[in-house]
Amino acid sequence: MPHFSKTINDCEIEKGELTWKSSFRYLFPANCPRAQHTDLKCYISELAITKKKLPMLVCLCFREKPEEIIVRPKMGNGASSSGVKGGGIPTLYIYGLSAPARAAWMTAKAAEIPVHLKYIDLFKGEHKTPEFAKINPDMTLPTLVDGDFTLWESRPIMQYMVSKWGGKHSYLYPKDLQKRAICDRLMNFDLGSVYKTVTEFTYPQLFQGKPPDPDKEAAMKKAFEYLNRHLDGGQQYMTGDNLTIVDISMATNISLTEIKGYKMEQWPDLAMWYRRMKALPYWAECNRGLYEWKSPQ
């Protein structure tokens, strides 16, 4: 018997071979013949409903992790919500624990950009295979493949996706040069201060079992204090009242501290902003790898 859960309305499904994991759900038509089986692999290409608007879909759970997920909400007049047209869906290579990879995926979700998700297990060395090295010789995640163009490093990927496909969500990386410059400045601060200090504090604890380093914690606190002052004016997000890729990148970096139970209540404005980020409808999905992660033995 199929394992159905809640009903979802008005979505599109693209062709593709998909594999599943029990903790993940995928949209599937209620009348699909394949829904009568619990095969680990389902071939969407066999379905007559490909690329058609579906009045009703149900969530189906399988036991393997999803290798490719493509779901596009239907917009008002039958148009796709994404700016991706014709030339194919971009592929985004990620690892669930990686903060930069989660930020790239969150950006795609925030901008309603459909992507093929490809999961690469860093601890199994899948990023060092000859096949992946041909895609990205630096062998890093995230990596975006858009046709014959390949891009890596999360911040350029986020900027590229919103600039090319953002559409009505262009506020995530504003077209206005002055607003964009503010985003760029804060993205640089994120890379040089937030990401740097958070990873230097958390990685030795997560991957080497070391105790917290007071000096590394002090450096991280300095970055958090700056952000708390930055938010002191009562603004909702880092650049004002609109969510941007700055918020997404910083939030995924800061989330690494959660694994060790680190609290940010000593910075009330920063803590409130972080709670606001965690309330985003796609936060749980895109950050599942963080909360399910267990230290490799």
C-alpha atoms as a PDB file:
ATOM      1  CA  MET A   1       0.000   0.000   0.000  1.00  0.00           C
ATOM      2  CA  PRO A   2       1.297   3.494  -0.744  1.00  0.00           C
ATOM      3  CA  HIS A   3       2.171   5.751   2.160  1.00  0.00           C
ATOM      4  CA  PHE A   4       0.085   8.855   1.507  1.00  0.00           C
ATOM      5  CA  SER A   5       0.163  11.932   3.676  1.00  0.00           C
ATOM      6  CA  LYS A   6      -1.246  15.399   3.079  1.00  0.00           C
ATOM      7  CA  THR A   7      -2.785  16.773  -0.109  1.00  0.00           C
ATOM      8  CA  ILE A   8      -1.054  19.499  -2.120  1.00  0.00           C
ATOM      9  CA  ASN A   9      -2.808  21.536  -4.817  1.00  0.00           C
ATOM     10  CA  ASP A  10      -1.705  22.960  -8.163  1.00  0.00           C
ATOM     11  CA  CYS A  11       1.864  21.872  -8.777  1.00  0.00           C
ATOM     12  CA  GLU A  12       3.903  20.672 -11.719  1.00  0.00           C
ATOM     13  CA  ILE A  13       6.212  17.665 -11.938  1.00  0.00           C
ATOM     14  CA  GLU A  14       9.120  17.388 -14.362  1.00  0.00           C
ATOM     15  CA  LYS A  15      10.495  14.204 -15.888  1.00  0.00           C
ATOM     16  CA  GLY A  16      13.265  12.392 -14.084  1.00  0.00           C
ATOM     17  CA  GLU A  17      14.343   9.265 -12.264  1.00  0.00           C
ATOM     18  CA  LEU A  18      14.053   9.751  -8.520  1.00  0.00           C
ATOM     19  CA  THR A  19      15.143   7.889  -5.411  1.00  0.00           C
ATOM     20  CA  TRP A  20      13.817   8.555  -1.923  1.00  0.00           C
ATOM     21  CA  LYS A  21      14.542   8.594   1.789  1.00  0.00           C
ATOM     22  CA  SER A  22      11.960   7.999   4.487  1.00  0.00           C
ATOM     23  CA  SER A  23      12.389  11.442   5.997  1.00  0.00           C
ATOM     24  CA  PHE A  24      11.718  13.137   2.686  1.00  0.00           C
ATOM     25  CA  ARG A  25       8.419  13.562   0.835  1.00  0.00           C
ATOM     26  CA  TYR A  26       7.762  14.120  -2.819  1.00  0.00           C
ATOM     27  CA  LEU A  27       4.657  15.259  -4.659  1.00  0.00           C
ATOM     28  CA  PHE A  28       3.001  12.433  -6.581  1.00  0.00           C
ATOM     29  CA  PRO A  29      -0.376  12.224  -8.359  1.00  0.00           C
ATOM     30  CA  ALA A  30      -3.015  10.301  -6.446  1.00  0.00           C
ATOM     31  CA  ASN A  31      -4.046   8.291  -9.504  1.00  0.00           C
ATOM     32  CA  CYS A  32      -0.507   7.343 -10.531  1.00  0.00           C
ATOM     33  CA  PRO A  33      -0.103   3.598 -11.263  1.00  0.00           C
ATOM     34  CA  ARG A  34       3.293   3.670  -9.615  1.00  0.00           C
ATOM     35  CA  ALA A  35       1.685   4.815  -6.380  1.00  0.00           C
ATOM     36  CA  GLN A  36       0.437   1.244  -5.974  1.00  0.00           C
ATOM     37  CA  HIS A  37       4.021   0.058  -5.494  1.00  0.00           C
ATOM     38  CA  THR A  38       6.722   0.885  -2.969  1.00  0.00           C
ATOM     39  CA  ASP A  39       9.543   0.676  -5.489  1.00  0.00           C
ATOM     40  CA  LEU A  40      12.584   2.617  -4.378  1.00  0.00           C
ATOM     41  CA  LYS A  41      12.888   4.060  -7.872  1.00  0.00           C
ATOM     42  CA  CYS A  42       9.995   5.673  -9.678  1.00  0.00           C
ATOM     43  CA  TYR A  43      10.126   6.828 -13.247  1.00  0.00           C
ATOM     44  CA  ILE A  44       8.162  10.013 -13.703  1.00  0.00           C
ATOM     45  CA  SER A  45       8.782   9.791 -17.443  1.00  0.00           C
ATOM     46  CA  GLU A  46       6.227   6.975 -17.639  1.00  0.00           C
ATOM     47  CA  LEU A  47       3.448   9.254 -16.482  1.00  0.00           C
ATOM     48  CA  ALA A  48       1.129  10.983 -18.905  1.00  0.00           C
ATOM     49  CA  ILE A  49       0.818  13.943 -16.535  1.00  0.00           C
ATOM     50  CA  THR A  50       4.367  15.239 -17.102  1.00  0.00           C
ATOM     51  CA  LYS A  51       4.458  19.049 -17.311  1.00  0.00           C
ATOM     52  CA  LYS A  52       0.664  19.306 -16.991  1.00  0.00           C
ATOM     53  CA  LYS A  53      -1.082  21.183 -14.210  1.00  0.00           C
ATOM     54  CA  LEU A  54      -2.358  18.719 -11.642  1.00  0.00           C
ATOM     55  CA  PRO A  55      -5.494  19.569  -9.639  1.00  0.00           C
ATOM     56  CA  MET A  56      -4.479  17.378  -6.744  1.00  0.00           C
ATOM     57  CA  LEU A  57      -1.281  15.704  -5.602  1.00  0.00           C
ATOM     58  CA  VAL A  58      -0.390  13.688  -2.568  1.00  0.00           C
ATOM     59  CA  CYS A  59       2.871  13.248  -0.691  1.00  0.00           C
ATOM     60  CA  LEU A  60       4.462   9.830  -0.958  1.00  0.00           C
ATOM     61  CA  CYS A  61       7.305   8.566   1.235  1.00  0.00           C
ATOM     62  CA  PHE A  62       9.996   6.111   0.153  1.00  0.00           C
ATOM     63  CA  ARG A  63      13.089   4.766   1.861  1.00  0.00           C
ATOM     64  CA  GLU A  64      16.029   6.182  -0.060  1.00  0.00           C
ATOM     65  CA  LYS A  65      17.375   9.724  -0.250  1.00  0.00           C
ATOM     66  CA  PRO A  66      16.139  11.933  -3.098  1.00  0.00           C
ATOM     67  CA  GLU A  67      18.701  12.291  -5.868  1.00  0.00           C
ATOM     68  CA  GLU A  68      16.640  14.716  -7.923  1.00  0.00           C
ATOM     69  CA  ILE A  69      13.722  16.847  -6.821  1.00  0.00           C
ATOM     70  CA  ILE A  70      11.851  19.160  -9.161  1.00  0.00           C
ATOM     71  CA  VAL A  71       8.631  20.709  -7.898  1.00  0.00           C
ATOM     72  CA  ARG A  72       7.188  23.942  -9.244  1.00  0.00           C
ATOM     73  CA  PRO A  73       4.141  25.674  -7.738  1.00  0.00           C
ATOM     74  CA  LYS A  74       1.627  26.823 -10.342  1.00  0.00           C
ATOM     75  CA  MET A  75       1.178  30.579 -10.741  1.00  0.00           C
ATOM     76  CA  GLY A  76      -2.060  32.444 -11.338  1.00  0.00           C
ATOM     77  CA  ASN A  77      -2.535  32.175 -15.113  1.00  0.00           C
ATOM     78  CA  GLY A  78      -0.959  28.775 -15.525  1.00  0.00           C
ATOM     79  CA  ALA A  79       2.568  30.135 -15.882  1.00  0.00           C
ATOM     80  CA  SER A  80       5.406  28.655 -13.894  1.00  0.00           C
ATOM     81  CA  SER A  81       6.568  30.574 -10.844  1.00  0.00           C
ATOM     82  CA  SER A  82      10.147  30.251 -12.010  1.00  0.00           C
ATOM     83  CA  GLY A  83      12.035  32.402 -14.431  1.00  0.00           C
ATOM     84  CA  VAL A  84      13.628  29.273 -15.918  1.00  0.00           C
ATOM     85  CA  LYS A  85      12.200  28.905 -19.397  1.00  0.00           C
ATOM     86  CA  GLY A  86      12.840  26.436 -22.144  1.00  0.00           C
ATOM     87  CA  GLY A  87      16.542  25.826 -21.742  1.00  0.00           C
ATOM     88  CA  GLY A  88      16.300  23.187 -19.043  1.00  0.00           C
ATOM     89  CA  ILE A  89      16.457  23.083 -15.268  1.00  0.00           C
ATOM     90  CA  PRO A  90      19.787  23.922 -13.579  1.00  0.00           C
ATOM     91  CA  THR A  91      21.452  21.299 -11.406  1.00  0.00           C
ATOM     92  CA  LEU A  92      22.585  22.142  -7.883  1.00  0.00           C
ATOM     93  CA  TYR A  93      25.064  19.842  -6.154  1.00  0.00           C
ATOM     94  CA  ILE A  94      24.838  20.023  -2.361  1.00  0.00           C
ATOM     95  CA  TYR A  95      25.663  18.301   0.915  1.00  0.00           C
ATOM     96  CA  GLY A  96      23.051  18.548   3.656  1.00  0.00           C
ATOM     97  CA  LEU A  97      25.306  19.728   6.489  1.00  0.00           C
ATOM     98  CA  SER A  98      27.184  22.309   4.418  1.00  0.00           C
ATOM     99  CA  ALA A  99      26.028  25.823   5.326  1.00  0.00           C
ATOM    100  CA  PRO A 100      26.985  27.272   1.904  1.00  0.00           C
ATOM    101  CA  ALA A 101      25.129  24.468   0.124  1.00  0.00           C
ATOM    102  CA  ARG A 102      22.053  24.962   2.274  1.00  0.00           C
ATOM    103  CA  ALA A 103      22.179  28.690   1.532  1.00  0.00           C
ATOM    104  CA  ALA A 104      22.190  28.058  -2.216  1.00  0.00           C
ATOM    105  CA  TRP A 105      19.234  25.689  -1.921  1.00  0.00           C
ATOM    106  CA  MET A 106      17.338  28.130   0.302  1.00  0.00           C
ATOM    107  CA  THR A 107      17.889  30.855  -2.290  1.00  0.00           C
ATOM    108  CA  ALA A 108      16.390  28.649  -4.985  1.00  0.00           C
ATOM    109  CA  LYS A 109      13.385  27.963  -2.757  1.00  0.00           C
ATOM    110  CA  ALA A 110      12.952  31.621  -1.787  1.00  0.00           C
ATOM    111  CA  ALA A 111      13.038  32.696  -5.439  1.00  0.00           C
ATOM    112  CA  GLU A 112      10.877  29.734  -6.570  1.00  0.00           C
ATOM    113  CA  ILE A 113      13.609  28.563  -8.927  1.00  0.00           C
ATOM    114  CA  PRO A 114      13.281  24.868  -9.864  1.00  0.00           C
ATOM    115  CA  VAL A 115      16.535  22.947  -9.584  1.00  0.00           C
ATOM    116  CA  HIS A 116      17.713  19.383  -9.932  1.00  0.00           C
ATOM    117  CA  LEU A 117      19.196  18.564  -6.522  1.00  0.00           C
ATOM    118  CA  LYS A 118      22.187  16.234  -6.569  1.00  0.00           C
ATOM    119  CA  TYR A 119      23.400  15.036  -3.181  1.00  0.00           C
ATOM    120  CA  ILE A 120      27.151  14.568  -2.772  1.00  0.00           C
ATOM    121  CA  ASP A 121      28.378  12.881   0.411  1.00  0.00           C
ATOM    122  CA  LEU A 122      31.553  14.647   1.512  1.00  0.00           C
ATOM    123  CA  PHE A 123      32.371  12.045   4.155  1.00  0.00           C
ATOM    124  CA  LYS A 124      32.281   9.304   1.533  1.00  0.00           C
ATOM    125  CA  GLY A 125      34.564  11.359  -0.699  1.00  0.00           C
ATOM    126  CA  GLU A 126      32.009  11.618  -3.499  1.00  0.00           C
ATOM    127  CA  HIS A 127      33.234  15.148  -4.267  1.00  0.00           C
ATOM    128  CA  LYS A 128      36.677  13.737  -5.081  1.00  0.00           C
ATOM    129  CA  THR A 129      35.554  11.297  -7.743  1.00  0.00           C
ATOM    130  CA  PRO A 130      36.824  11.784 -11.310  1.00  0.00           C
ATOM    131  CA  GLU A 131      33.239  12.320 -12.440  1.00  0.00           C
ATOM    132  CA  PHE A 132      32.657  15.232 -10.073  1.00  0.00           C
ATOM    133  CA  ALA A 133      36.137  16.667 -10.663  1.00  0.00           C
ATOM    134  CA  LYS A 134      35.179  17.058 -14.326  1.00  0.00           C
ATOM    135  CA  ILE A 135      32.239  19.188 -13.228  1.00  0.00           C
ATOM    136  CA  ASN A 136      34.118  21.202 -10.599  1.00  0.00           C
ATOM    137  CA  PRO A 137      37.917  20.836 -10.529  1.00  0.00           C
ATOM    138  CA  ASP A 138      37.984  22.515  -7.100  1.00  0.00           C
ATOM    139  CA  MET A 139      35.747  19.658  -5.869  1.00  0.00           C
ATOM    140  CA  THR A 140      33.684  21.935  -3.599  1.00  0.00           C
ATOM    141  CA  LEU A 141      30.008  22.334  -2.759  1.00  0.00           C
ATOM    142  CA  PRO A 142      27.680  23.851  -3.687  1.00  0.00           C
ATOM    143  CA  THR A 143      28.140  23.649  -7.439  1.00  0.00           C
ATOM    144  CA  LEU A 144      25.619  24.906  -9.989  1.00  0.00           C
ATOM    145  CA  VAL A 145      25.408  23.601 -13.552  1.00  0.00           C
ATOM    146  CA  ASP A 146      23.326  25.707 -15.921  1.00  0.00           C
ATOM    147  CA  GLY A 147      23.584  24.143 -19.365  1.00  0.00           C
ATOM    148  CA  ASP A 148      27.226  24.398 -20.399  1.00  0.00           C
ATOM    149  CA  PHE A 149      28.004  26.900 -17.623  1.00  0.00           C
ATOM    150  CA  THR A 150      29.288  25.735 -14.245  1.00  0.00           C
ATOM    151  CA  LEU A 151      29.678  27.892 -11.148  1.00  0.00           C
ATOM    152  CA  TRP A 152      30.814  27.136  -7.624  1.00  0.00           C
ATOM    153  CA  GLU A 153      31.078  29.050  -4.330  1.00  0.00           C
ATOM    154  CA  SER A 154      27.741  29.751  -2.677  1.00  0.00           C
ATOM    155  CA  ARG A 155      27.668  33.537  -2.843  1.00  0.00           C
ATOM    156  CA  PRO A 156      28.260  33.828  -6.602  1.00  0.00           C
ATOM    157  CA  ILE A 157      25.741  31.012  -7.106  1.00  0.00           C
ATOM    158  CA  MET A 158      23.105  32.844  -5.069  1.00  0.00           C
ATOM    159  CA  GLN A 159      23.789  36.101  -6.904  1.00  0.00           C
ATOM    160  CA  TYR A 160      23.676  34.373 -10.281  1.00  0.00           C
ATOM    161  CA  MET A 161      20.436  32.488  -9.640  1.00  0.00           C
ATOM    162  CA  VAL A 162      18.527  35.547  -8.456  1.00  0.00           C
ATOM    163  CA  SER A 163      19.986  37.779 -11.188  1.00  0.00           C
ATOM    164  CA  LYS A 164      19.025  35.312 -13.927  1.00  0.00           C
ATOM    165  CA  TRP A 165      15.817  33.710 -12.654  1.00  0.00           C
ATOM    166  CA  GLY A 166      14.668  35.789  -9.692  1.00  0.00           C
ATOM    167  CA  GLY A 167      11.773  37.456 -11.510  1.00  0.00           C
ATOM    168  CA  LYS A 168       9.358  38.900  -8.961  1.00  0.00           C
ATOM    169  CA  HIS A 169      11.793  37.799  -6.243  1.00  0.00           C
ATOM    170  CA  SER A 170      14.612  40.043  -7.492  1.00  0.00           C
ATOM    171  CA  TYR A 171      14.494  41.824  -4.112  1.00  0.00           C
ATOM    172  CA  LEU A 172      16.576  38.904  -2.829  1.00  0.00           C
ATOM    173  CA  TYR A 173      19.515  40.481  -4.678  1.00  0.00           C
ATOM    174  CA  PRO A 174      18.262  43.952  -5.659  1.00  0.00           C
ATOM    175  CA  LYS A 175      18.813  45.361  -9.130  1.00  0.00           C
ATOM    176  CA  ASP A 176      19.227  48.871  -7.720  1.00  0.00           C
ATOM    177  CA  LEU A 177      22.998  49.413  -7.655  1.00  0.00           C
ATOM    178  CA  GLN A 178      23.124  51.053  -4.250  1.00  0.00           C
ATOM    179  CA  LYS A 179      20.961  48.386  -2.618  1.00  0.00           C
ATOM    180  CA  ARG A 180      23.000  45.696  -4.343  1.00  0.00           C
ATOM    181  CA  ALA A 181      26.218  47.294  -3.101  1.00  0.00           C
ATOM    182  CA  ILE A 182      24.916  47.074   0.471  1.00  0.00           C
ATOM    183  CA  CYS A 183      24.177  43.387  -0.091  1.00  0.00           C
ATOM    184  CA  ASP A 184      27.666  42.848  -1.480  1.00  0.00           C
ATOM    185  CA  ARG A 185      29.253  44.619   1.489  1.00  0.00           C
ATOM    186  CA  LEU A 186      27.373  42.461   3.969  1.00  0.00           C
ATOM    187  CA  MET A 187      28.060  39.303   1.959  1.00  0.00           C
ATOM    188  CA  ASN A 188      31.759  40.110   2.237  1.00  0.00           C
ATOM    189  CA  PHE A 189      31.373  40.596   5.985  1.00  0.00           C
ATOM    190  CA  ASP A 190      29.550  37.285   6.135  1.00  0.00           C
ATOM    191  CA  LEU A 191      32.395  35.481   4.377  1.00  0.00           C
ATOM    192  CA  GLY A 192      35.255  37.177   6.197  1.00  0.00           C
ATOM    193  CA  SER A 193      33.743  37.392   9.681  1.00  0.00           C
ATOM    194  CA  VAL A 194      30.583  35.332  10.229  1.00  0.00           C
ATOM    195  CA  TYR A 195      31.409  32.197   8.221  1.00  0.00           C
ATOM    196  CA  LYS A 196      35.079  32.340   9.202  1.00  0.00           C
ATOM    197  CA  THR A 197      34.564  32.674  12.945  1.00  0.00           C
ATOM    198  CA  VAL A 198      31.599  30.288  13.158  1.00  0.00           C
ATOM    199  CA  THR A 199      33.396  27.498  11.311  1.00  0.00           C
ATOM    200  CA  GLU A 200      36.646  28.039  13.219  1.00  0.00           C
ATOM    201  CA  PHE A 201      34.683  27.709  16.465  1.00  0.00           C
ATOM    202  CA  THR A 202      32.347  24.846  15.531  1.00  0.00           C
ATOM    203  CA  TYR A 203      34.301  22.609  13.116  1.00  0.00           C
ATOM    204  CA  PRO A 204      36.910  21.375  15.640  1.00  0.00           C
ATOM    205  CA  GLN A 205      34.053  20.438  17.984  1.00  0.00           C
ATOM    206  CA  LEU A 206      31.939  18.790  15.282  1.00  0.00           C
ATOM    207  CA  PHE A 207      34.605  16.911  13.359  1.00  0.00           C
ATOM    208  CA  GLN A 208      37.472  16.428  15.816  1.00  0.00           C
ATOM    209  CA  GLY A 209      35.658  16.141  19.128  1.00  0.00           C
ATOM    210  CA  LYS A 210      37.617  19.021  20.630  1.00  0.00           C
ATOM    211  CA  PRO A 211      36.320  21.232  23.458  1.00  0.00           C
ATOM    212  CA  PRO A 212      35.236  24.806  22.689  1.00  0.00           C
ATOM    213  CA  ASP A 213      38.166  27.168  22.131  1.00  0.00           C
ATOM    214  CA  PRO A 214      37.657  30.383  24.168  1.00  0.00           C
ATOM    215  CA  ASP A 215      39.652  32.483  21.713  1.00  0.00           C
ATOM    216  CA  LYS A 216      37.640  31.219  18.743  1.00  0.00           C
ATOM    217  CA  GLU A 217      34.430  31.814  20.653  1.00  0.00           C
ATOM    218  CA  ALA A 218      35.491  35.379  21.460  1.00  0.00           C
ATOM    219  CA  ALA A 219      36.103  36.079  17.769  1.00  0.00           C
ATOM    220  CA  MET A 220      32.684  34.666  16.874  1.00  0.00           C
ATOM    221  CA  LYS A 221      31.010  36.707  19.603  1.00  0.00           C
ATOM    222  CA  LYS A 222      32.586  39.849  18.167  1.00  0.00           C
ATOM    223  CA  ALA A 223      30.928  39.136  14.811  1.00  0.00           C
ATOM    224  CA  PHE A 224      27.592  38.438  16.522  1.00  0.00           C
ATOM    225  CA  GLU A 225      27.834  41.667  18.513  1.00  0.00           C
ATOM    226  CA  TYR A 226      28.356  43.592  15.289  1.00  0.00           C
ATOM    227  CA  LEU A 227      25.268  42.008  13.732  1.00  0.00           C
ATOM    228  CA  ASN A 228      23.222  42.696  16.843  1.00  0.00           C
ATOM    229  CA  ARG A 229      24.147  46.396  16.674  1.00  0.00           C
ATOM    230  CA  HIS A 230      23.423  46.368  12.955  1.00  0.00           C
ATOM    231  CA  LEU A 231      19.875  45.144  13.652  1.00  0.00           C
ATOM    232  CA  ASP A 232      19.311  47.521  16.547  1.00  0.00           C
ATOM    233  CA  GLY A 233      17.263  49.936  14.441  1.00  0.00           C
ATOM    234  CA  GLY A 234      14.324  47.557  14.431  1.00  0.00           C
ATOM    235  CA  GLN A 235      14.661  46.418  10.820  1.00  0.00           C
ATOM    236  CA  GLN A 236      13.326  42.975   9.942  1.00  0.00           C
ATOM    237  CA  TYR A 237      16.319  41.781   7.932  1.00  0.00           C
ATOM    238  CA  MET A 238      19.979  42.598   7.459  1.00  0.00           C
ATOM    239  CA  THR A 239      19.456  45.137   4.681  1.00  0.00           C
ATOM    240  CA  GLY A 240      16.080  46.501   5.766  1.00  0.00           C
ATOM    241  CA  ASP A 241      12.545  45.159   5.605  1.00  0.00           C
ATOM    242  CA  ASN A 242      13.087  42.720   2.714  1.00  0.00           C
ATOM    243  CA  LEU A 243      14.688  39.308   2.894  1.00  0.00           C
ATOM    244  CA  THR A 244      17.887  39.054   0.828  1.00  0.00           C
ATOM    245  CA  ILE A 245      20.582  36.501   0.128  1.00  0.00           C
ATOM    246  CA  VAL A 246      22.566  38.173   2.924  1.00  0.00           C
ATOM    247  CA  ASP A 247      20.080  36.880   5.492  1.00  0.00           C
ATOM    248  CA  ILE A 248      20.025  33.426   3.953  1.00  0.00           C
ATOM    249  CA  SER A 249      23.799  33.068   3.896  1.00  0.00           C
ATOM    250  CA  MET A 250      24.316  34.406   7.414  1.00  0.00           C
ATOM    251  CA  ALA A 251      21.503  32.327   8.900  1.00  0.00           C
ATOM    252  CA  THR A 252      22.791  29.037   7.506  1.00  0.00           C
ATOM    253  CA  ASN A 253      26.266  29.843   8.819  1.00  0.00           C
ATOM    254  CA  ILE A 254      25.006  30.750  12.280  1.00  0.00           C
ATOM    255  CA  SER A 255      22.876  27.596  12.349  1.00  0.00           C
ATOM    256  CA  LEU A 256      26.038  25.503  12.746  1.00  0.00           C
ATOM    257  CA  THR A 257      26.207  26.673  16.358  1.00  0.00           C
ATOM    258  CA  GLU A 258      22.898  24.920  17.054  1.00  0.00           C
ATOM    259  CA  ILE A 259      24.451  21.469  16.810  1.00  0.00           C
ATOM    260  CA  LYS A 260      26.309  22.115  20.049  1.00  0.00           C
ATOM    261  CA  GLY A 261      23.377  23.885  21.655  1.00  0.00           C
ATOM    262  CA  TYR A 262      24.856  27.366  21.439  1.00  0.00           C
ATOM    263  CA  LYS A 263      22.396  30.104  22.461  1.00  0.00           C
ATOM    264  CA  MET A 264      22.231  33.636  21.092  1.00  0.00           C
ATOM    265  CA  GLU A 265      19.859  35.197  23.594  1.00  0.00           C
ATOM    266  CA  GLN A 266      22.620  37.514  24.814  1.00  0.00           C
ATOM    267  CA  TRP A 267      22.164  39.307  21.475  1.00  0.00           C
ATOM    268  CA  PRO A 268      18.394  39.932  21.512  1.00  0.00           C
ATOM    269  CA  ASP A 269      18.042  41.612  18.117  1.00  0.00           C
ATOM    270  CA  LEU A 270      20.174  38.970  16.430  1.00  0.00           C
ATOM    271  CA  ALA A 271      18.236  36.208  18.200  1.00  0.00           C
ATOM    272  CA  MET A 272      14.920  37.683  17.048  1.00  0.00           C
ATOM    273  CA  TRP A 273      16.193  37.918  13.472  1.00  0.00           C
ATOM    274  CA  TYR A 274      17.365  34.288  13.614  1.00  0.00           C
ATOM    275  CA  ARG A 275      13.975  33.112  14.862  1.00  0.00           C
ATOM    276  CA  ARG A 276      12.412  35.022  11.978  1.00  0.00           C
ATOM    277  CA  MET A 277      14.683  33.195   9.532  1.00  0.00           C
ATOM    278  CA  LYS A 278      13.829  29.810  11.045  1.00  0.00           C
ATOM    279  CA  ALA A 279      10.140  30.595  10.585  1.00  0.00           C
ATOM    280  CA  LEU A 280      10.527  30.782   6.795  1.00  0.00           C
ATOM    281  CA  PRO A 281       8.364  28.064   5.194  1.00  0.00           C
ATOM    282  CA  TYR A 282      11.311  26.354   3.487  1.00  0.00           C
ATOM    283  CA  TRP A 283      13.775  26.521   6.394  1.00  0.00           C
ATOM    284  CA  ALA A 284      13.016  23.055   7.764  1.00  0.00           C
ATOM    285  CA  GLU A 285      13.267  21.384   4.353  1.00  0.00           C
ATOM    286  CA  CYS A 286      16.507  23.058   3.301  1.00  0.00           C
ATOM    287  CA  ASN A 287      18.188  22.630   6.693  1.00  0.00           C
ATOM    288  CA  ARG A 288      17.100  19.069   7.393  1.00  0.00           C
ATOM    289  CA  GLY A 289      20.658  17.880   6.850  1.00  0.00           C
ATOM    290  CA  LEU A 290      21.848  20.081   9.710  1.00  0.00           C
ATOM    291  CA  TYR A 291      19.370  18.732  12.229  1.00  0.00           C
ATOM    292  CA  GLU A 292      19.743  15.096  11.151  1.00  0.00           C
ATOM    293  CA  TRP A 293      23.525  15.169  11.033  1.00  0.00           C
ATOM    294  CA  LYS A 294      25.499  12.827  13.231  1.00  0.00           C
ATOM    295  CA  SER A 295      29.247  12.917  13.683  1.00  0.00           C
ATOM    296  CA  PRO A 296      30.965  10.268  11.523  1.00  0.00           C
ATOM    297  CA  GLN A 297      32.506   7.492  13.595  1.00  0.00           C
END
